[in-house]
Amino acid sequence: MDRKILQAVVITGLLVLAVSAYAANTITLNHAAMVSGKQLAAGEYQVKVSANGDVTFLRGKTEVVTAKATLKDLNKKAPFDAVVTKAMDGSSVPSITEIQFRGKKQVLVFDNTSQASNEQ
């Protein structure tokens, strides 16, 4: 029984370390982009990731939107910050599909089929 508890503690610790690596990062959008049905204007955003996979975009201290994301492993560390977008049918504004952070081996992958959880 003690071994299972130790394994649970170690796994939880590793998850906390993985998420804390993404606790707060900054991205810059050169053009407007959508995430979870909410349009983000061009500009700088702080990106915070919670342990449950919620990604919050803040502009200054104002929460703009919260979206669900998953972590995907890369073969090597990302060489620079990058926001990957994809044109969506019927929209003139592309959707954010992925965010890479310089020096990290994991990227945030967004499911753009859900709606925004916050309105501005």
C-alpha atoms as a PDB file:
ATOM      1  CA  MET A   1       0.000   0.000   0.000  1.00  0.00           C
ATOM      2  CA  ASP A   2       2.836   2.396   0.823  1.00  0.00           C
ATOM      3  CA  ARG A   3       4.358   1.866  -2.614  1.00  0.00           C
ATOM      4  CA  LYS A   4       1.114   2.927  -4.332  1.00  0.00           C
ATOM      5  CA  ILE A   5       0.958   6.070  -2.223  1.00  0.00           C
ATOM      6  CA  LEU A   6       4.572   6.881  -3.080  1.00  0.00           C
ATOM      7  CA  GLN A   7       3.852   6.350  -6.799  1.00  0.00           C
ATOM      8  CA  ALA A   8       0.825   8.632  -6.596  1.00  0.00           C
ATOM      9  CA  VAL A   9       2.881  11.333  -4.869  1.00  0.00           C
ATOM     10  CA  VAL A  10       5.668  11.078  -7.463  1.00  0.00           C
ATOM     11  CA  ILE A  11       3.233  11.199 -10.392  1.00  0.00           C
ATOM     12  CA  THR A  12       1.400  14.159  -8.888  1.00  0.00           C
ATOM     13  CA  GLY A  13       4.712  15.938  -8.332  1.00  0.00           C
ATOM     14  CA  LEU A  14       5.746  15.386 -11.948  1.00  0.00           C
ATOM     15  CA  LEU A  15       2.420  16.723 -13.204  1.00  0.00           C
ATOM     16  CA  VAL A  16       2.764  19.802 -11.018  1.00  0.00           C
ATOM     17  CA  LEU A  17       6.277  20.390 -12.369  1.00  0.00           C
ATOM     18  CA  ALA A  18       5.091  20.007 -15.967  1.00  0.00           C
ATOM     19  CA  VAL A  19       2.219  22.436 -15.460  1.00  0.00           C
ATOM     20  CA  SER A  20       4.286  24.906 -13.439  1.00  0.00           C
ATOM     21  CA  ALA A  21       6.687  25.125 -16.363  1.00  0.00           C
ATOM     22  CA  TYR A  22       3.760  26.692 -18.197  1.00  0.00           C
ATOM     23  CA  ALA A  23       2.422  28.619 -15.218  1.00  0.00           C
ATOM     24  CA  ALA A  24       2.824  32.032 -16.867  1.00  0.00           C
ATOM     25  CA  ASN A  25       4.240  32.899 -20.264  1.00  0.00           C
ATOM     26  CA  THR A  26       3.771  35.841 -22.591  1.00  0.00           C
ATOM     27  CA  ILE A  27       2.753  35.700 -26.247  1.00  0.00           C
ATOM     28  CA  THR A  28       2.359  38.452 -28.808  1.00  0.00           C
ATOM     29  CA  LEU A  29      -0.325  38.258 -31.473  1.00  0.00           C
ATOM     30  CA  ASN A  30       0.536  40.301 -34.555  1.00  0.00           C
ATOM     31  CA  HIS A  31      -3.027  39.876 -35.851  1.00  0.00           C
ATOM     32  CA  ALA A  32      -6.400  39.067 -34.300  1.00  0.00           C
ATOM     33  CA  ALA A  33      -7.010  35.364 -33.605  1.00  0.00           C
ATOM     34  CA  MET A  34      -9.789  33.211 -32.183  1.00  0.00           C
ATOM     35  CA  VAL A  35      -9.561  30.780 -29.289  1.00  0.00           C
ATOM     36  CA  SER A  36     -12.574  28.823 -28.012  1.00  0.00           C
ATOM     37  CA  GLY A  37     -14.958  31.025 -29.960  1.00  0.00           C
ATOM     38  CA  LYS A  38     -13.581  34.295 -28.557  1.00  0.00           C
ATOM     39  CA  GLN A  39     -11.628  36.795 -30.663  1.00  0.00           C
ATOM     40  CA  LEU A  40      -8.356  38.066 -29.236  1.00  0.00           C
ATOM     41  CA  ALA A  41      -7.196  41.414 -30.613  1.00  0.00           C
ATOM     42  CA  ALA A  42      -3.611  41.832 -31.735  1.00  0.00           C
ATOM     43  CA  GLY A  43      -1.304  42.529 -28.803  1.00  0.00           C
ATOM     44  CA  GLU A  44       0.489  40.978 -25.863  1.00  0.00           C
ATOM     45  CA  TYR A  45      -1.140  38.394 -23.598  1.00  0.00           C
ATOM     46  CA  GLN A  46      -0.030  36.580 -20.500  1.00  0.00           C
ATOM     47  CA  VAL A  47      -0.870  32.883 -20.794  1.00  0.00           C
ATOM     48  CA  LYS A  48      -1.491  30.939 -17.585  1.00  0.00           C
ATOM     49  CA  VAL A  49      -2.041  27.185 -17.479  1.00  0.00           C
ATOM     50  CA  SER A  50      -3.815  25.488 -14.604  1.00  0.00           C
ATOM     51  CA  ALA A  51      -3.372  21.879 -13.487  1.00  0.00           C
ATOM     52  CA  ASN A  52      -6.698  20.854 -15.058  1.00  0.00           C
ATOM     53  CA  GLY A  53      -5.701  22.043 -18.552  1.00  0.00           C
ATOM     54  CA  ASP A  54      -7.457  25.405 -18.508  1.00  0.00           C
ATOM     55  CA  VAL A  55      -5.455  28.084 -20.306  1.00  0.00           C
ATOM     56  CA  THR A  56      -6.244  31.669 -19.336  1.00  0.00           C
ATOM     57  CA  PHE A  57      -5.334  34.600 -21.574  1.00  0.00           C
ATOM     58  CA  LEU A  58      -4.858  37.875 -19.706  1.00  0.00           C
ATOM     59  CA  ARG A  59      -4.316  41.346 -21.092  1.00  0.00           C
ATOM     60  CA  GLY A  60      -2.715  43.275 -18.276  1.00  0.00           C
ATOM     61  CA  LYS A  61      -4.653  42.069 -15.253  1.00  0.00           C
ATOM     62  CA  THR A  62      -7.870  41.509 -17.201  1.00  0.00           C
ATOM     63  CA  GLU A  63      -8.893  37.931 -17.963  1.00  0.00           C
ATOM     64  CA  VAL A  64      -9.956  37.842 -21.611  1.00  0.00           C
ATOM     65  CA  VAL A  65     -10.794  34.159 -22.153  1.00  0.00           C
ATOM     66  CA  THR A  66     -10.214  30.710 -20.711  1.00  0.00           C
ATOM     67  CA  ALA A  67      -9.824  27.757 -23.069  1.00  0.00           C
ATOM     68  CA  LYS A  68      -9.138  24.033 -22.759  1.00  0.00           C
ATOM     69  CA  ALA A  69      -5.825  22.726 -24.035  1.00  0.00           C
ATOM     70  CA  THR A  70      -3.732  19.601 -23.866  1.00  0.00           C
ATOM     71  CA  LEU A  71       0.038  19.248 -23.697  1.00  0.00           C
ATOM     72  CA  LYS A  72       1.769  17.574 -26.635  1.00  0.00           C
ATOM     73  CA  ASP A  73       5.393  16.436 -26.530  1.00  0.00           C
ATOM     74  CA  LEU A  74       7.907  17.625 -29.123  1.00  0.00           C
ATOM     75  CA  ASN A  75      11.040  15.757 -30.220  1.00  0.00           C
ATOM     76  CA  LYS A  76      13.173  18.691 -29.089  1.00  0.00           C
ATOM     77  CA  LYS A  77      12.764  22.013 -27.320  1.00  0.00           C
ATOM     78  CA  ALA A  78      11.001  24.750 -29.252  1.00  0.00           C
ATOM     79  CA  PRO A  79      13.617  27.214 -30.585  1.00  0.00           C
ATOM     80  CA  PHE A  80      11.309  30.230 -30.179  1.00  0.00           C
ATOM     81  CA  ASP A  81       7.841  31.265 -29.051  1.00  0.00           C
ATOM     82  CA  ALA A  82       5.219  30.582 -31.708  1.00  0.00           C
ATOM     83  CA  VAL A  83       1.458  30.863 -32.026  1.00  0.00           C
ATOM     84  CA  VAL A  84       0.158  28.478 -34.689  1.00  0.00           C
ATOM     85  CA  THR A  85      -3.159  29.438 -36.290  1.00  0.00           C
ATOM     86  CA  LYS A  86      -5.482  27.841 -38.814  1.00  0.00           C
ATOM     87  CA  ALA A  87      -8.078  29.439 -41.081  1.00  0.00           C
ATOM     88  CA  MET A  88     -11.550  28.291 -40.085  1.00  0.00           C
ATOM     89  CA  ASP A  89     -14.482  27.884 -42.469  1.00  0.00           C
ATOM     90  CA  GLY A  90     -16.756  30.904 -42.485  1.00  0.00           C
ATOM     91  CA  SER A  91     -14.441  33.112 -40.435  1.00  0.00           C
ATOM     92  CA  SER A  92     -12.059  35.816 -41.572  1.00  0.00           C
ATOM     93  CA  VAL A  93     -10.110  35.465 -38.306  1.00  0.00           C
ATOM     94  CA  PRO A  94      -7.885  32.374 -37.881  1.00  0.00           C
ATOM     95  CA  SER A  95      -8.095  30.174 -34.770  1.00  0.00           C
ATOM     96  CA  ILE A  96      -5.180  29.422 -32.462  1.00  0.00           C
ATOM     97  CA  THR A  97      -4.437  25.702 -32.690  1.00  0.00           C
ATOM     98  CA  GLU A  98      -1.128  25.556 -30.830  1.00  0.00           C
ATOM     99  CA  ILE A  99       1.237  27.653 -28.729  1.00  0.00           C
ATOM    100  CA  GLN A 100       4.920  26.816 -28.458  1.00  0.00           C
ATOM    101  CA  PHE A 101       7.157  28.384 -25.833  1.00  0.00           C
ATOM    102  CA  ARG A 102      10.887  28.814 -26.390  1.00  0.00           C
ATOM    103  CA  GLY A 103      12.936  26.236 -24.530  1.00  0.00           C
ATOM    104  CA  LYS A 104       9.986  23.935 -23.748  1.00  0.00           C
ATOM    105  CA  LYS A 105       9.574  20.368 -25.062  1.00  0.00           C
ATOM    106  CA  GLN A 106       5.793  20.502 -24.788  1.00  0.00           C
ATOM    107  CA  VAL A 107       3.284  22.654 -26.632  1.00  0.00           C
ATOM    108  CA  LEU A 108      -0.289  23.666 -25.834  1.00  0.00           C
ATOM    109  CA  VAL A 109      -2.813  22.253 -28.305  1.00  0.00           C
ATOM    110  CA  PHE A 110      -6.276  23.827 -28.402  1.00  0.00           C
ATOM    111  CA  ASP A 111      -9.606  22.238 -29.277  1.00  0.00           C
ATOM    112  CA  ASN A 112     -11.374  25.005 -31.192  1.00  0.00           C
ATOM    113  CA  THR A 113     -14.748  23.286 -31.306  1.00  0.00           C
ATOM    114  CA  SER A 114     -15.807  24.543 -27.852  1.00  0.00           C
ATOM    115  CA  GLN A 115     -17.185  27.988 -27.089  1.00  0.00           C
ATOM    116  CA  ALA A 116     -15.552  30.705 -25.006  1.00  0.00           C
ATOM    117  CA  SER A 117     -16.024  30.399 -21.263  1.00  0.00           C
ATOM    118  CA  ASN A 118     -15.685  34.136 -20.597  1.00  0.00           C
ATOM    119  CA  GLU A 119     -17.214  37.110 -22.325  1.00  0.00           C
ATOM    120  CA  GLN A 120     -15.590  40.517 -22.431  1.00  0.00           C
END
